[in-house]
Amino acid sequence: MSLASQPRYASHHLRLGRWIAHSVLIKERASGGFLLAPFTAEGERTIFLSGTITLLAPTCPLSEEGKIEVESLTLLQQEIDRHEGWTLQLPADTGR
C-alpha cells in the first residue's frame, strides 16, 4: 500500500513518553516516523478513534509519573524526530 493511500489517524488524545496531547492527527511519513498536526476536521482517509492513540519507541518509553499535557505539538514532533523505531498503538490494540 502506498503512503498516499494509507489512512491518517485522529483521536481524542495522543500519548507519547510522559506527554499527552488532545485532538491530534497522525500521518505516517514516507521516510518512517510520524507527522503530527492538530485535528480540526475529518478529511479523506481520516480514521477518527475514540480514546488514546499511543506512539511507542524503544528509546522513548512511556512514563506513568508526571504526565504532562501539552498545548503545542512542536515538543512532541521534536521527540518523534529525535527517536527511531516508532510503533503506533491504536486504542483497541491489545499489543498482540
PDB file of N, CA and C in Angstrom:
ATOM      1  N   MET A   1       0.854  -1.177   0.000  1.00  0.00           N
ATOM      2  CA  MET A   1       0.000   0.000   0.000  1.00  0.00           C
ATOM      3  C   MET A   1       0.893   1.231   0.000  1.00  0.00           C
ATOM      4  N   SER A   2       0.635   2.150  -0.904  1.00  0.00           N
ATOM      5  CA  SER A   2       1.427   3.373  -0.946  1.00  0.00           C
ATOM      6  C   SER A   2       1.033   4.291   0.199  1.00  0.00           C
ATOM      7  N   LEU A   3       1.947   5.190   0.567  1.00  0.00           N
ATOM      8  CA  LEU A   3       1.650   6.124   1.657  1.00  0.00           C
ATOM      9  C   LEU A   3       0.502   7.053   1.308  1.00  0.00           C
ATOM     10  N   ALA A   4       0.323   7.345   0.019  1.00  0.00           N
ATOM     11  CA  ALA A   4      -0.761   8.227  -0.378  1.00  0.00           C
ATOM     12  C   ALA A   4      -2.116   7.602  -0.055  1.00  0.00           C
ATOM     13  N   SER A   5      -2.187   6.267  -0.067  1.00  0.00           N
ATOM     14  CA  SER A   5      -3.454   5.613   0.197  1.00  0.00           C
ATOM     15  C   SER A   5      -3.591   5.167   1.658  1.00  0.00           C
ATOM     16  N   GLN A   6      -2.578   5.372   2.464  1.00  0.00           N
ATOM     17  CA  GLN A   6      -2.660   4.987   3.869  1.00  0.00           C
ATOM     18  C   GLN A   6      -3.549   5.957   4.637  1.00  0.00           C
ATOM     19  N   PRO A   7      -4.267   5.427   5.597  1.00  0.00           N
ATOM     20  CA  PRO A   7      -5.138   6.310   6.374  1.00  0.00           C
ATOM     21  C   PRO A   7      -4.345   7.209   7.311  1.00  0.00           C
ATOM     22  N   ARG A   8      -4.982   8.290   7.683  1.00  0.00           N
ATOM     23  CA  ARG A   8      -4.468   9.167   8.729  1.00  0.00           C
ATOM     24  C   ARG A   8      -5.331   8.881   9.949  1.00  0.00           C
ATOM     25  N   TYR A   9      -4.735   8.921  11.106  1.00  0.00           N
ATOM     26  CA  TYR A   9      -5.470   8.626  12.327  1.00  0.00           C
ATOM     27  C   TYR A   9      -5.633   9.888  13.161  1.00  0.00           C
ATOM     28  N   ALA A  10      -6.785   9.999  13.789  1.00  0.00           N
ATOM     29  CA  ALA A  10      -7.047  11.094  14.710  1.00  0.00           C
ATOM     30  C   ALA A  10      -7.725  10.494  15.934  1.00  0.00           C
ATOM     31  N   SER A  11      -7.526  11.133  17.079  1.00  0.00           N
ATOM     32  CA  SER A  11      -8.167  10.643  18.297  1.00  0.00           C
ATOM     33  C   SER A  11      -8.346  11.781  19.288  1.00  0.00           C
ATOM     34  N   HIS A  12      -9.067  11.465  20.337  1.00  0.00           N
ATOM     35  CA  HIS A  12      -9.256  12.451  21.398  1.00  0.00           C
ATOM     36  C   HIS A  12      -7.921  12.815  22.051  1.00  0.00           C
ATOM     37  N   HIS A  13      -7.031  11.802  22.210  1.00  0.00           N
ATOM     38  CA  HIS A  13      -5.757  12.017  22.882  1.00  0.00           C
ATOM     39  C   HIS A  13      -4.640  11.260  22.181  1.00  0.00           C
ATOM     40  N   LEU A  14      -3.430  11.792  22.310  1.00  0.00           N
ATOM     41  CA  LEU A  14      -2.210  11.123  21.866  1.00  0.00           C
ATOM     42  C   LEU A  14      -1.285  11.056  23.061  1.00  0.00           C
ATOM     43  N   ARG A  15      -0.722   9.879  23.306  1.00  0.00           N
ATOM     44  CA  ARG A  15       0.233   9.693  24.402  1.00  0.00           C
ATOM     45  C   ARG A  15       1.583   9.359  23.812  1.00  0.00           C
ATOM     46  N   LEU A  16       2.609  10.049  24.263  1.00  0.00           N
ATOM     47  CA  LEU A  16       3.968   9.857  23.787  1.00  0.00           C
ATOM     48  C   LEU A  16       4.895  10.175  24.948  1.00  0.00           C
ATOM     49  N   GLY A  17       5.673   9.202  25.405  1.00  0.00           N
ATOM     50  CA  GLY A  17       6.554   9.438  26.551  1.00  0.00           C
ATOM     51  C   GLY A  17       5.746   9.841  27.768  1.00  0.00           C
ATOM     52  N   ARG A  18       6.060  10.977  28.344  1.00  0.00           N
ATOM     53  CA  ARG A  18       5.319  11.457  29.510  1.00  0.00           C
ATOM     54  C   ARG A  18       4.271  12.506  29.133  1.00  0.00           C
ATOM     55  N   TRP A  19       4.085  12.709  27.829  1.00  0.00           N
ATOM     56  CA  TRP A  19       3.201  13.773  27.364  1.00  0.00           C
ATOM     57  C   TRP A  19       1.867  13.244  26.846  1.00  0.00           C
ATOM     58  N   ILE A  20       0.853  14.075  26.977  1.00  0.00           N
ATOM     59  CA  ILE A  20      -0.468  13.799  26.426  1.00  0.00           C
ATOM     60  C   ILE A  20      -0.926  15.054  25.680  1.00  0.00           C
ATOM     61  N   ALA A  21      -1.417  14.845  24.463  1.00  0.00           N
ATOM     62  CA  ALA A  21      -1.945  15.955  23.659  1.00  0.00           C
ATOM     63  C   ALA A  21      -3.386  15.625  23.284  1.00  0.00           C
ATOM     64  N   HIS A  22      -4.158  16.653  23.024  1.00  0.00           N
ATOM     65  CA  HIS A  22      -5.568  16.486  22.701  1.00  0.00           C
ATOM     66  C   HIS A  22      -5.824  16.784  21.224  1.00  0.00           C
ATOM     67  N   SER A  23      -6.741  16.032  20.638  1.00  0.00           N
ATOM     68  CA  SER A  23      -7.196  16.242  19.253  1.00  0.00           C
ATOM     69  C   SER A  23      -6.039  16.333  18.264  1.00  0.00           C
ATOM     70  N   VAL A  24      -5.397  15.186  18.036  1.00  0.00           N
ATOM     71  CA  VAL A  24      -4.203  15.125  17.188  1.00  0.00           C
ATOM     72  C   VAL A  24      -4.472  14.268  15.952  1.00  0.00           C
ATOM     73  N   LEU A  25      -3.970  14.720  14.804  1.00  0.00           N
ATOM     74  CA  LEU A  25      -3.999  13.972  13.560  1.00  0.00           C
ATOM     75  C   LEU A  25      -2.598  13.409  13.344  1.00  0.00           C
ATOM     76  N   ILE A  26      -2.500  12.128  13.005  1.00  0.00           N
ATOM     77  CA  ILE A  26      -1.207  11.456  12.862  1.00  0.00           C
ATOM     78  C   ILE A  26      -1.105  10.890  11.451  1.00  0.00           C
ATOM     79  N   LYS A  27      -0.030  11.271  10.751  1.00  0.00           N
ATOM     80  CA  LYS A  27       0.225  10.773   9.398  1.00  0.00           C
ATOM     81  C   LYS A  27       1.577  10.074   9.395  1.00  0.00           C
ATOM     82  N   GLU A  28       1.666   8.957   8.672  1.00  0.00           N
ATOM     83  CA  GLU A  28       2.940   8.263   8.546  1.00  0.00           C
ATOM     84  C   GLU A  28       3.770   8.932   7.460  1.00  0.00           C
ATOM     85  N   ARG A  29       5.056   9.118   7.749  1.00  0.00           N
ATOM     86  CA  ARG A  29       5.974   9.716   6.765  1.00  0.00           C
ATOM     87  C   ARG A  29       6.535   8.646   5.848  1.00  0.00           C
ATOM     88  N   ALA A  30       6.861   9.033   4.632  1.00  0.00           N
ATOM     89  CA  ALA A  30       7.466   8.106   3.679  1.00  0.00           C
ATOM     90  C   ALA A  30       8.816   7.614   4.190  1.00  0.00           C
ATOM     91  N   SER A  31       9.531   8.452   4.921  1.00  0.00           N
ATOM     92  CA  SER A  31      10.856   8.103   5.431  1.00  0.00           C
ATOM     93  C   SER A  31      10.789   7.359   6.759  1.00  0.00           C
ATOM     94  N   GLY A  32       9.590   7.079   7.227  1.00  0.00           N
ATOM     95  CA  GLY A  32       9.416   6.446   8.535  1.00  0.00           C
ATOM     96  C   GLY A  32       9.068   7.513   9.560  1.00  0.00           C
ATOM     97  N   GLY A  33       8.604   7.099  10.685  1.00  0.00           N
ATOM     98  CA  GLY A  33       8.188   8.055  11.694  1.00  0.00           C
ATOM     99  C   GLY A  33       6.809   8.604  11.383  1.00  0.00           C
ATOM    100  N   PHE A  34       6.435   9.614  12.126  1.00  0.00           N
ATOM    101  CA  PHE A  34       5.092  10.162  12.005  1.00  0.00           C
ATOM    102  C   PHE A  34       5.132  11.679  12.014  1.00  0.00           C
ATOM    103  N   LEU A  35       4.114  12.267  11.405  1.00  0.00           N
ATOM    104  CA  LEU A  35       3.947  13.704  11.375  1.00  0.00           C
ATOM    105  C   LEU A  35       2.664  14.031  12.127  1.00  0.00           C
ATOM    106  N   LEU A  36       2.743  14.961  13.060  1.00  0.00           N
ATOM    107  CA  LEU A  36       1.598  15.348  13.869  1.00  0.00           C
ATOM    108  C   LEU A  36       1.032  16.677  13.401  1.00  0.00           C
ATOM    109  N   ALA A  37      -0.280  16.799  13.504  1.00  0.00           N
ATOM    110  CA  ALA A  37      -0.965  18.052  13.178  1.00  0.00           C
ATOM    111  C   ALA A  37      -2.196  18.139  14.067  1.00  0.00           C
ATOM    112  N   PRO A  38      -2.670  19.353  14.305  1.00  0.00           N
ATOM    113  CA  PRO A  38      -3.925  19.481  15.066  1.00  0.00           C
ATOM    114  C   PRO A  38      -5.067  18.865  14.253  1.00  0.00           C
ATOM    115  N   PHE A  39      -5.949  18.153  14.920  1.00  0.00           N
ATOM    116  CA  PHE A  39      -7.122  17.601  14.251  1.00  0.00           C
ATOM    117  C   PHE A  39      -8.232  18.626  14.330  1.00  0.00           C
ATOM    118  N   THR A  40      -8.662  19.096  13.160  1.00  0.00           N
ATOM    119  CA  THR A  40      -9.711  20.111  13.121  1.00  0.00           C
ATOM    120  C   THR A  40     -10.972  19.612  12.433  1.00  0.00           C
ATOM    121  N   ALA A  41     -10.844  18.683  11.492  1.00  0.00           N
ATOM    122  CA  ALA A  41     -12.000  18.134  10.796  1.00  0.00           C
ATOM    123  C   ALA A  41     -11.590  16.852  10.073  1.00  0.00           C
ATOM    124  N   GLU A  42     -12.535  15.962   9.898  1.00  0.00           N
ATOM    125  CA  GLU A  42     -12.252  14.736   9.169  1.00  0.00           C
ATOM    126  C   GLU A  42     -12.079  15.047   7.693  1.00  0.00           C
ATOM    127  N   GLY A  43     -11.116  14.381   7.101  1.00  0.00           N
ATOM    128  CA  GLY A  43     -10.871  14.523   5.671  1.00  0.00           C
ATOM    129  C   GLY A  43     -10.830  13.142   5.054  1.00  0.00           C
ATOM    130  N   GLU A  44     -10.514  13.107   3.783  1.00  0.00           N
ATOM    131  CA  GLU A  44     -10.414  11.828   3.095  1.00  0.00           C
ATOM    132  C   GLU A  44      -9.343  10.965   3.743  1.00  0.00           C
ATOM    133  N   ARG A  45      -9.654   9.696   3.942  1.00  0.00           N
ATOM    134  CA  ARG A  45      -8.734   8.701   4.517  1.00  0.00           C
ATOM    135  C   ARG A  45      -8.374   8.994   5.981  1.00  0.00           C
ATOM    136  N   THR A  46      -9.228   9.740   6.684  1.00  0.00           N
ATOM    137  CA  THR A  46      -9.009  10.001   8.106  1.00  0.00           C
ATOM    138  C   THR A  46      -9.880   9.056   8.917  1.00  0.00           C
ATOM    139  N   ILE A  47      -9.258   8.346   9.829  1.00  0.00           N
ATOM    140  CA  ILE A  47      -9.978   7.453  10.727  1.00  0.00           C
ATOM    141  C   ILE A  47      -9.922   8.067  12.118  1.00  0.00           C
ATOM    142  N   PHE A  48     -11.093   8.436  12.645  1.00  0.00           N
ATOM    143  CA  PHE A  48     -11.149   9.005  13.990  1.00  0.00           C
ATOM    144  C   PHE A  48     -11.433   7.881  14.975  1.00  0.00           C
ATOM    145  N   LEU A  49     -10.588   7.788  16.001  1.00  0.00           N
ATOM    146  CA  LEU A  49     -10.728   6.751  17.011  1.00  0.00           C
ATOM    147  C   LEU A  49     -11.013   7.382  18.366  1.00  0.00           C
ATOM    148  N   SER A  50     -12.006   6.865  19.034  1.00  0.00           N
ATOM    149  CA  SER A  50     -12.325   7.343  20.368  1.00  0.00           C
ATOM    150  C   SER A  50     -11.297   6.773  21.340  1.00  0.00           C
ATOM    151  N   GLY A  51     -10.754   7.605  22.187  1.00  0.00           N
ATOM    152  CA  GLY A  51      -9.772   7.144  23.161  1.00  0.00           C
ATOM    153  C   GLY A  51      -8.413   7.761  22.934  1.00  0.00           C
ATOM    154  N   THR A  52      -7.374   6.994  23.266  1.00  0.00           N
ATOM    155  CA  THR A  52      -5.995   7.484  23.216  1.00  0.00           C
ATOM    156  C   THR A  52      -5.156   6.644  22.275  1.00  0.00           C
ATOM    157  N   ILE A  53      -4.525   7.289  21.309  1.00  0.00           N
ATOM    158  CA  ILE A  53      -3.523   6.647  20.466  1.00  0.00           C
ATOM    159  C   ILE A  53      -2.182   6.827  21.169  1.00  0.00           C
ATOM    160  N   THR A  54      -1.379   5.778  21.157  1.00  0.00           N
ATOM    161  CA  THR A  54      -0.071   5.839  21.802  1.00  0.00           C
ATOM    162  C   THR A  54       1.024   5.629  20.763  1.00  0.00           C
ATOM    163  N   LEU A  55       2.046   6.467  20.808  1.00  0.00           N
ATOM    164  CA  LEU A  55       3.240   6.266  19.986  1.00  0.00           C
ATOM    165  C   LEU A  55       4.343   5.760  20.910  1.00  0.00           C
ATOM    166  N   LEU A  56       4.932   4.629  20.533  1.00  0.00           N
ATOM    167  CA  LEU A  56       5.971   3.997  21.346  1.00  0.00           C
ATOM    168  C   LEU A  56       7.268   3.890  20.559  1.00  0.00           C
ATOM    169  N   ALA A  57       8.386   4.123  21.240  1.00  0.00           N
ATOM    170  CA  ALA A  57       9.710   3.906  20.660  1.00  0.00           C
ATOM    171  C   ALA A  57      10.594   3.312  21.745  1.00  0.00           C
ATOM    172  N   PRO A  58      11.512   2.417  21.371  1.00  0.00           N
ATOM    173  CA  PRO A  58      12.381   1.797  22.369  1.00  0.00           C
ATOM    174  C   PRO A  58      13.190   2.812  23.187  1.00  0.00           C
ATOM    175  N   THR A  59      13.522   3.938  22.578  1.00  0.00           N
ATOM    176  CA  THR A  59      14.342   4.938  23.276  1.00  0.00           C
ATOM    177  C   THR A  59      13.525   6.082  23.868  1.00  0.00           C
ATOM    178  N   CYS A  60      12.193   5.953  23.822  1.00  0.00           N
ATOM    179  CA  CYS A  60      11.314   6.979  24.393  1.00  0.00           C
ATOM    180  C   CYS A  60      10.166   6.276  25.123  1.00  0.00           C
ATOM    181  N   PRO A  61      10.461   5.691  26.292  1.00  0.00           N
ATOM    182  CA  PRO A  61       9.443   4.907  26.996  1.00  0.00           C
ATOM    183  C   PRO A  61       8.322   5.770  27.568  1.00  0.00           C
ATOM    184  N   LEU A  62       7.170   5.130  27.766  1.00  0.00           N
ATOM    185  CA  LEU A  62       6.061   5.812  28.428  1.00  0.00           C
ATOM    186  C   LEU A  62       6.423   6.030  29.887  1.00  0.00           C
ATOM    187  N   SER A  63       5.945   7.090  30.446  1.00  0.00           N
ATOM    188  CA  SER A  63       6.188   7.391  31.852  1.00  0.00           C
ATOM    189  C   SER A  63       4.841   7.592  32.528  1.00  0.00           C
ATOM    190  N   GLU A  64       4.579   6.807  33.566  1.00  0.00           N
ATOM    191  CA  GLU A  64       3.334   6.933  34.312  1.00  0.00           C
ATOM    192  C   GLU A  64       3.402   8.089  35.299  1.00  0.00           C
ATOM    193  N   GLU A  65       4.599   8.486  35.667  1.00  0.00           N
ATOM    194  CA  GLU A  65       4.763   9.559  36.641  1.00  0.00           C
ATOM    195  C   GLU A  65       4.837  10.906  35.936  1.00  0.00           C
ATOM    196  N   GLY A  66       4.159  11.866  36.489  1.00  0.00           N
ATOM    197  CA  GLY A  66       4.259  13.239  35.998  1.00  0.00           C
ATOM    198  C   GLY A  66       3.807  13.444  34.585  1.00  0.00           C
ATOM    199  N   LYS A  67       2.668  12.849  34.205  1.00  0.00           N
ATOM    200  CA  LYS A  67       2.146  13.084  32.857  1.00  0.00           C
ATOM    201  C   LYS A  67       1.932  14.578  32.663  1.00  0.00           C
ATOM    202  N   ILE A  68       2.338  15.056  31.505  1.00  0.00           N
ATOM    203  CA  ILE A  68       2.258  16.483  31.200  1.00  0.00           C
ATOM    204  C   ILE A  68       1.373  16.683  29.988  1.00  0.00           C
ATOM    205  N   GLU A  69       0.366  17.537  30.114  1.00  0.00           N
ATOM    206  CA  GLU A  69      -0.463  17.883  28.964  1.00  0.00           C
ATOM    207  C   GLU A  69       0.235  18.984  28.184  1.00  0.00           C
ATOM    208  N   VAL A  70       0.274  18.809  26.866  1.00  0.00           N
ATOM    209  CA  VAL A  70       0.919  19.808  26.015  1.00  0.00           C
ATOM    210  C   VAL A  70      -0.118  20.515  25.155  1.00  0.00           C
ATOM    211  N   GLU A  71       0.081  21.795  24.973  1.00  0.00           N
ATOM    212  CA  GLU A  71      -0.806  22.603  24.134  1.00  0.00           C
ATOM    213  C   GLU A  71      -0.309  22.631  22.695  1.00  0.00           C
ATOM    214  N   SER A  72       1.001  22.651  22.525  1.00  0.00           N
ATOM    215  CA  SER A  72       1.602  22.725  21.197  1.00  0.00           C
ATOM    216  C   SER A  72       2.163  21.355  20.818  1.00  0.00           C
ATOM    217  N   LEU A  73       2.010  20.982  19.574  1.00  0.00           N
ATOM    218  CA  LEU A  73       2.530  19.700  19.114  1.00  0.00           C
ATOM    219  C   LEU A  73       4.007  19.765  18.751  1.00  0.00           C
ATOM    220  N   THR A  74       4.604  20.944  18.825  1.00  0.00           N
ATOM    221  CA  THR A  74       6.011  21.112  18.456  1.00  0.00           C
ATOM    222  C   THR A  74       6.923  20.229  19.302  1.00  0.00           C
ATOM    223  N   LEU A  75       6.717  20.206  20.603  1.00  0.00           N
ATOM    224  CA  LEU A  75       7.539  19.376  21.500  1.00  0.00           C
ATOM    225  C   LEU A  75       7.418  17.906  21.136  1.00  0.00           C
ATOM    226  N   LEU A  76       6.208  17.439  20.897  1.00  0.00           N
ATOM    227  CA  LEU A  76       6.012  16.033  20.545  1.00  0.00           C
ATOM    228  C   LEU A  76       6.642  15.695  19.200  1.00  0.00           C
ATOM    229  N   GLN A  77       6.535  16.599  18.232  1.00  0.00           N
ATOM    230  CA  GLN A  77       7.145  16.360  16.929  1.00  0.00           C
ATOM    231  C   GLN A  77       8.657  16.284  17.054  1.00  0.00           C
ATOM    232  N   GLN A  78       9.244  17.117  17.908  1.00  0.00           N
ATOM    233  CA  GLN A  78      10.691  17.064  18.138  1.00  0.00           C
ATOM    234  C   GLN A  78      11.093  15.717  18.731  1.00  0.00           C
ATOM    235  N   GLU A  79      10.289  15.190  19.640  1.00  0.00           N
ATOM    236  CA  GLU A  79      10.576  13.873  20.224  1.00  0.00           C
ATOM    237  C   GLU A  79      10.496  12.782  19.159  1.00  0.00           C
ATOM    238  N   ILE A  80       9.494  12.853  18.304  1.00  0.00           N
ATOM    239  CA  ILE A  80       9.367  11.872  17.228  1.00  0.00           C
ATOM    240  C   ILE A  80      10.583  11.932  16.312  1.00  0.00           C
ATOM    241  N   ASP A  81      11.024  13.136  15.982  1.00  0.00           N
ATOM    242  CA  ASP A  81      12.168  13.307  15.083  1.00  0.00           C
ATOM    243  C   ASP A  81      13.483  12.872  15.737  1.00  0.00           C
ATOM    244  N   ARG A  82      13.558  12.917  17.046  1.00  0.00           N
ATOM    245  CA  ARG A  82      14.782  12.588  17.773  1.00  0.00           C
ATOM    246  C   ARG A  82      14.971  11.078  17.956  1.00  0.00           C
ATOM    247  N   HIS A  83      13.889  10.307  17.897  1.00  0.00           N
ATOM    248  CA  HIS A  83      13.953   8.866  18.135  1.00  0.00           C
ATOM    249  C   HIS A  83      13.549   8.099  16.879  1.00  0.00           C
ATOM    250  N   GLU A  84      13.899   6.800  16.861  1.00  0.00           N
ATOM    251  CA  GLU A  84      13.550   5.936  15.728  1.00  0.00           C
ATOM    252  C   GLU A  84      12.799   4.716  16.225  1.00  0.00           C
ATOM    253  N   GLY A  85      12.192   4.007  15.294  1.00  0.00           N
ATOM    254  CA  GLY A  85      11.532   2.751  15.627  1.00  0.00           C
ATOM    255  C   GLY A  85      10.161   2.918  16.258  1.00  0.00           C
ATOM    256  N   TRP A  86       9.441   3.952  15.867  1.00  0.00           N
ATOM    257  CA  TRP A  86       8.127   4.224  16.447  1.00  0.00           C
ATOM    258  C   TRP A  86       7.101   3.182  16.036  1.00  0.00           C
ATOM    259  N   THR A  87       6.235   2.851  16.980  1.00  0.00           N
ATOM    260  CA  THR A  87       5.093   1.976  16.751  1.00  0.00           C
ATOM    261  C   THR A  87       3.837   2.736  17.128  1.00  0.00           C
ATOM    262  N   LEU A  88       2.849   2.663  16.273  1.00  0.00           N
ATOM    263  CA  LEU A  88       1.564   3.308  16.520  1.00  0.00           C
ATOM    264  C   LEU A  88       0.636   2.281  17.158  1.00  0.00           C
ATOM    265  N   GLN A  89       0.180   2.560  18.370  1.00  0.00           N
ATOM    266  CA  GLN A  89      -0.732   1.660  19.075  1.00  0.00           C
ATOM    267  C   GLN A  89      -2.106   2.316  19.146  1.00  0.00           C
ATOM    268  N   LEU A  90      -3.069   1.702  18.478  1.00  0.00           N
ATOM    269  CA  LEU A  90      -4.421   2.263  18.440  1.00  0.00           C
ATOM    270  C   LEU A  90      -5.182   1.900  19.711  1.00  0.00           C
ATOM    271  N   PRO A  91      -6.218   2.646  20.057  1.00  0.00           N
ATOM    272  CA  PRO A  91      -6.927   2.412  21.309  1.00  0.00           C
ATOM    273  C   PRO A  91      -7.423   0.984  21.533  1.00  0.00           C
ATOM    274  N   ALA A  92      -7.864   0.295  20.498  1.00  0.00           N
ATOM    275  CA  ALA A  92      -8.368  -1.068  20.657  1.00  0.00           C
ATOM    276  C   ALA A  92      -7.272  -2.114  20.541  1.00  0.00           C
ATOM    277  N   ASP A  93      -6.031  -1.693  20.310  1.00  0.00           N
ATOM    278  CA  ASP A  93      -4.902  -2.606  20.132  1.00  0.00           C
ATOM    279  C   ASP A  93      -4.476  -3.169  21.472  1.00  0.00           C
ATOM    280  N   THR A  94      -4.482  -4.490  21.610  1.00  0.00           N
ATOM    281  CA  THR A  94      -4.105  -5.109  22.877  1.00  0.00           C
ATOM    282  C   THR A  94      -2.647  -5.548  22.883  1.00  0.00           C
ATOM    283  N   GLY A  95      -1.892  -5.180  21.858  1.00  0.00           N
ATOM    284  CA  GLY A  95      -0.471  -5.499  21.807  1.00  0.00           C
ATOM    285  C   GLY A  95      -0.170  -6.879  21.270  1.00  0.00           C
ATOM    286  N   ARG A  96      -1.127  -7.528  20.679  1.00  0.00           N
ATOM    287  CA  ARG A  96      -0.892  -8.870  20.119  1.00  0.00           C
ATOM    288  C   ARG A  96      -0.300  -8.793  18.755  1.00  0.00           C
TER     289      ARG A  96
END
